[in-house]
Amino acid sequence: SLLRYLGGLMRKAYGFDLSPAMLKVAKNKLLHPRLDCASFIHLPLKPLSMDCLLSLYDSVNYLQNEQEVALFLQETNRAIKPGGLLIFDVV
């Protein structure tokens, strides 16, 4: 639902999830879905290609150890343009 809203505000909005079932739900909500089965520790994005990355709804909580947290931060840093934003929530 958030991707549908963001897609109306931005030129490009992409959705990533590790769950094929959730991707199917998202695909049914979007007219032109840009979805991929991926995680934030292995993003299928070119380096320095994104203005902003969002990891919401407690997705970061699924990282299981400090190494995965470090990979998350390295991978998102790789994909974000200089001056870009990484926004995430943690409970």
C-alpha atoms as a PDB file:
ATOM      1  CA  SER A   1       0.000   0.000   0.000  1.00  0.00           C
ATOM      2  CA  LEU A   2       2.859   2.397   0.801  1.00  0.00           C
ATOM      3  CA  LEU A   3       4.557   1.623  -2.511  1.00  0.00           C
ATOM      4  CA  ARG A   4       1.352   2.511  -4.367  1.00  0.00           C
ATOM      5  CA  TYR A   5       1.298   5.887  -2.590  1.00  0.00           C
ATOM      6  CA  LEU A   6       5.012   6.554  -3.105  1.00  0.00           C
ATOM      7  CA  GLY A   7       4.796   5.548  -6.750  1.00  0.00           C
ATOM      8  CA  GLY A   8       2.348   8.381  -7.281  1.00  0.00           C
ATOM      9  CA  LEU A   9       4.788  10.887  -5.779  1.00  0.00           C
ATOM     10  CA  MET A  10       8.046   9.797  -7.396  1.00  0.00           C
ATOM     11  CA  ARG A  11       9.382   8.970 -10.832  1.00  0.00           C
ATOM     12  CA  LYS A  12      10.614   5.581  -9.703  1.00  0.00           C
ATOM     13  CA  ALA A  13       9.570   3.483  -6.741  1.00  0.00           C
ATOM     14  CA  TYR A  14      10.711  -0.112  -6.288  1.00  0.00           C
ATOM     15  CA  GLY A  15       9.531  -2.748  -3.857  1.00  0.00           C
ATOM     16  CA  PHE A  16      11.603  -5.589  -2.441  1.00  0.00           C
ATOM     17  CA  ASP A  17      10.530  -8.465  -0.251  1.00  0.00           C
ATOM     18  CA  LEU A  18      11.851 -11.929   0.496  1.00  0.00           C
ATOM     19  CA  SER A  19       8.339 -13.362   0.569  1.00  0.00           C
ATOM     20  CA  PRO A  20       6.878 -14.376  -2.815  1.00  0.00           C
ATOM     21  CA  ALA A  21       3.434 -14.324  -1.180  1.00  0.00           C
ATOM     22  CA  MET A  22       3.858 -10.692  -0.125  1.00  0.00           C
ATOM     23  CA  LEU A  23       5.139  -9.767  -3.578  1.00  0.00           C
ATOM     24  CA  LYS A  24       1.991 -11.294  -5.055  1.00  0.00           C
ATOM     25  CA  VAL A  25      -0.166  -9.196  -2.701  1.00  0.00           C
ATOM     26  CA  ALA A  26       1.783  -6.080  -3.699  1.00  0.00           C
ATOM     27  CA  LYS A  27       1.534  -6.893  -7.405  1.00  0.00           C
ATOM     28  CA  ASN A  28      -2.248  -7.073  -7.113  1.00  0.00           C
ATOM     29  CA  LYS A  29      -2.328  -3.566  -5.580  1.00  0.00           C
ATOM     30  CA  LEU A  30      -0.154  -1.847  -8.204  1.00  0.00           C
ATOM     31  CA  LEU A  31      -0.826  -0.894 -11.818  1.00  0.00           C
ATOM     32  CA  HIS A  32       2.829  -0.974 -12.862  1.00  0.00           C
ATOM     33  CA  PRO A  33       4.675  -2.873 -10.192  1.00  0.00           C
ATOM     34  CA  ARG A  34       8.421  -2.669  -9.917  1.00  0.00           C
ATOM     35  CA  LEU A  35       8.960  -5.553  -7.530  1.00  0.00           C
ATOM     36  CA  ASP A  36      11.773  -7.968  -6.863  1.00  0.00           C
ATOM     37  CA  CYS A  37      12.372 -10.801  -4.440  1.00  0.00           C
ATOM     38  CA  ALA A  38      15.382  -9.485  -2.542  1.00  0.00           C
ATOM     39  CA  SER A  39      16.646  -8.454   0.864  1.00  0.00           C
ATOM     40  CA  PHE A  40      18.384  -5.322   2.061  1.00  0.00           C
ATOM     41  CA  ILE A  41      21.641  -7.234   2.418  1.00  0.00           C
ATOM     42  CA  HIS A  42      21.651  -8.127  -1.318  1.00  0.00           C
ATOM     43  CA  LEU A  43      19.935  -5.348  -3.263  1.00  0.00           C
ATOM     44  CA  PRO A  44      19.626  -5.732  -7.041  1.00  0.00           C
ATOM     45  CA  LEU A  45      20.467  -2.053  -7.536  1.00  0.00           C
ATOM     46  CA  LYS A  46      23.308  -0.260  -9.257  1.00  0.00           C
ATOM     47  CA  PRO A  47      25.775   1.574  -7.032  1.00  0.00           C
ATOM     48  CA  LEU A  48      24.799   5.145  -6.177  1.00  0.00           C
ATOM     49  CA  SER A  49      21.459   4.776  -7.958  1.00  0.00           C
ATOM     50  CA  MET A  50      18.886   5.656  -5.295  1.00  0.00           C
ATOM     51  CA  ASP A  51      17.923   8.961  -3.702  1.00  0.00           C
ATOM     52  CA  CYS A  52      16.236   7.268  -0.768  1.00  0.00           C
ATOM     53  CA  LEU A  53      15.799   3.767   0.635  1.00  0.00           C
ATOM     54  CA  LEU A  54      13.023   2.865   3.064  1.00  0.00           C
ATOM     55  CA  SER A  55      12.985  -0.196   5.259  1.00  0.00           C
ATOM     56  CA  LEU A  56       9.752   0.022   7.196  1.00  0.00           C
ATOM     57  CA  TYR A  57       7.353  -2.127   9.165  1.00  0.00           C
ATOM     58  CA  ASP A  58      10.133  -3.513  11.350  1.00  0.00           C
ATOM     59  CA  SER A  59      11.974  -5.183   8.459  1.00  0.00           C
ATOM     60  CA  VAL A  60      15.324  -4.507  10.130  1.00  0.00           C
ATOM     61  CA  ASN A  61      14.167  -6.667  13.047  1.00  0.00           C
ATOM     62  CA  TYR A  62      14.569  -9.722  10.789  1.00  0.00           C
ATOM     63  CA  LEU A  63      18.333  -9.219  10.651  1.00  0.00           C
ATOM     64  CA  GLN A  64      19.663 -11.934  12.891  1.00  0.00           C
ATOM     65  CA  ASN A  65      23.089 -10.777  14.016  1.00  0.00           C
ATOM     66  CA  GLU A  66      25.594  -7.919  13.975  1.00  0.00           C
ATOM     67  CA  GLN A  67      27.103  -9.155  10.707  1.00  0.00           C
ATOM     68  CA  GLU A  68      23.732  -8.888   8.938  1.00  0.00           C
ATOM     69  CA  VAL A  69      23.209  -5.399  10.376  1.00  0.00           C
ATOM     70  CA  ALA A  70      26.639  -4.399   9.038  1.00  0.00           C
ATOM     71  CA  LEU A  71      25.775  -5.889   5.624  1.00  0.00           C
ATOM     72  CA  PHE A  72      22.467  -3.990   5.626  1.00  0.00           C
ATOM     73  CA  LEU A  73      24.289  -0.701   6.265  1.00  0.00           C
ATOM     74  CA  GLN A  74      27.035  -1.448   3.711  1.00  0.00           C
ATOM     75  CA  GLU A  75      24.567  -2.486   1.013  1.00  0.00           C
ATOM     76  CA  THR A  76      22.245   0.462   1.502  1.00  0.00           C
ATOM     77  CA  ASN A  77      25.250   2.823   1.552  1.00  0.00           C
ATOM     78  CA  ARG A  78      26.427   1.283  -1.735  1.00  0.00           C
ATOM     79  CA  ALA A  79      23.066   1.928  -3.414  1.00  0.00           C
ATOM     80  CA  ILE A  80      22.324   5.445  -2.122  1.00  0.00           C
ATOM     81  CA  LYS A  81      23.528   8.503  -3.993  1.00  0.00           C
ATOM     82  CA  PRO A  82      25.690  11.000  -2.078  1.00  0.00           C
ATOM     83  CA  GLY A  83      23.387  13.065   0.097  1.00  0.00           C
ATOM     84  CA  GLY A  84      20.638  10.435  -0.130  1.00  0.00           C
ATOM     85  CA  LEU A  85      18.606   9.056   2.738  1.00  0.00           C
ATOM     86  CA  LEU A  86      18.222   5.717   4.459  1.00  0.00           C
ATOM     87  CA  ILE A  87      15.042   5.604   6.537  1.00  0.00           C
ATOM     88  CA  PHE A  88      14.217   2.600   8.702  1.00  0.00           C
ATOM     89  CA  ASP A  89      12.347   1.774  11.853  1.00  0.00           C
ATOM     90  CA  VAL A  90      13.294  -0.575  14.659  1.00  0.00           C
ATOM     91  CA  VAL A  91      11.164  -1.860  17.527  1.00  0.00           C
END
